[in-house]
Protein backbone atom coordinates (compact mmCIF):
# COMPACT_ATOMS: atom_id res chain seq x y z
CA MET A 1 -0.16 -0.01 -0.02
CA TYR A 2 1.22 3.49 -0.88
CA SER A 3 0.80 6.55 1.16
CA ARG A 4 0.64 9.95 -0.40
CA ILE A 5 3.24 12.23 1.23
CA LYS A 6 3.15 15.99 0.15
CA ILE A 7 6.59 17.74 0.30
CA ARG A 8 6.66 21.61 -0.45
CA VAL A 9 9.59 22.68 -2.40
CA GLN A 10 10.89 25.96 -3.82
CA CYS A 11 10.39 25.09 -7.46
CA PRO A 12 8.13 26.45 -10.30
CA CYS A 13 5.46 23.63 -9.84
CA GLY A 14 4.96 24.63 -6.27
CA ILE A 15 4.21 21.40 -4.54
CA LEU A 16 5.84 18.05 -5.34
CA ILE A 17 3.80 14.84 -4.41
CA ARG A 18 5.81 11.73 -3.96
CA CYS A 19 4.11 8.37 -3.18
CA LEU A 20 5.91 6.08 -0.71
CA SER A 21 5.11 2.41 0.51
CA GLN A 22 5.07 2.15 4.26
CA ALA A 23 8.42 0.13 4.12
CA GLU A 24 9.96 3.14 2.68
CA ILE A 25 8.50 5.39 5.11
CA SER A 26 9.61 3.39 7.87
CA THR A 27 13.32 2.99 6.29
CA ALA A 28 13.45 6.77 5.98
CA LEU A 29 12.31 7.45 9.45
CA ARG A 30 14.41 4.95 11.28
CA PRO A 31 17.41 7.02 11.97
CA PHE A 32 15.15 9.67 13.25
CA TYR A 33 13.42 7.11 15.54
CA PHE A 34 16.79 5.98 16.87
CA SER A 35 17.63 10.00 17.77
CA VAL A 36 14.41 10.77 19.62
CA HIS A 37 13.22 7.29 20.93
CA PRO A 38 11.94 7.68 24.64
CA ASP A 39 14.33 5.08 26.27
CA LEU A 40 17.19 7.38 25.58
CA PHE A 41 15.88 9.89 27.96
CA GLY A 42 15.64 7.86 31.18
CA LYS A 43 17.29 10.53 33.29
CA PHE A 44 14.99 13.15 31.69
CA PRO A 45 11.51 12.20 32.55
CA GLU A 46 9.87 15.38 31.02
CA GLN A 47 11.73 15.09 27.85
CA ARG A 48 11.03 11.44 27.52
CA LYS A 49 7.28 12.07 28.04
CA VAL A 50 7.14 14.86 25.30
CA ASN A 51 8.96 12.55 22.73
CA GLU A 52 6.67 9.70 23.78
CA SER A 53 3.53 11.94 22.87
CA SER A 54 5.22 13.42 19.60
CA LEU A 55 5.97 9.92 18.30
CA GLN A 56 2.44 8.75 19.07
CA GLN A 57 1.01 11.73 17.09
CA LEU A 58 3.40 11.07 14.33
CA SER A 59 2.38 7.51 14.17
CA ALA A 60 -1.31 8.58 14.20
CA LEU A 61 -0.60 11.10 11.17
CA LEU A 62 1.19 8.27 9.11
CA GLU A 63 -1.97 5.92 9.71
CA ALA A 64 -4.29 8.65 8.61
CA GLN A 65 -2.12 9.11 5.46
CA GLN A 66 -2.29 5.59 4.59
CA SER A 67 -6.19 5.41 5.10
CA SER A 68 -6.57 8.59 3.29
CA ARG A 69 -7.91 10.45 5.98
CA THR A 70 -7.20 14.22 6.44
CA MET A 71 -5.77 15.20 9.62
CA LYS A 72 -4.65 18.36 10.95
CA VAL A 73 -0.82 18.36 11.74
CA PRO A 74 -0.13 19.52 14.97
CA PRO A 75 3.25 20.85 16.25
CA LEU A 76 5.49 18.03 17.06
CA PRO A 77 8.21 18.86 19.44
CA PHE A 78 11.17 16.30 19.85
CA TYR A 79 14.34 16.39 22.22
CA LEU A 80 17.63 14.96 20.66
CA ARG A 81 20.62 13.73 22.68
CA ASN A 82 23.82 15.23 21.61
CA LYS A 83 25.90 12.21 21.39
CA ASP A 84 29.33 14.01 21.27
CA VAL A 85 28.92 16.08 24.51
CA SER A 86 28.04 15.08 28.06
CA GLU A 87 24.94 12.92 28.58
CA GLY A 88 23.02 16.04 30.23
CA LEU A 89 22.86 18.33 27.12
CA LEU A 90 19.76 18.10 25.05
CA TYR A 91 18.51 19.74 22.02
CA PHE A 92 15.06 20.78 21.56
CA LEU A 93 13.43 20.36 17.88
CA HIS A 94 9.96 21.93 16.89
CA TYR A 95 8.61 20.65 13.79
């Protein structure tokens, strides 16, 4: 089954639409999942909770895309761990 993903780009056509299978979506998102997975934030319960909630919302959005339902895209905040610096340093991303 293919999902329709809309990607906005700066080009004369305005919007580029590309169809991806569930497997392609999973493969593309895997590095992101490994960067924001809640298990990485055991010492940071608030950040863990934010990432759990945002991942659940992202999953619901992807499921809605596959079933051709429309869904309003909420802001999805995520925390990232910095692997190169001390364990206490976190980055906040807001998509």
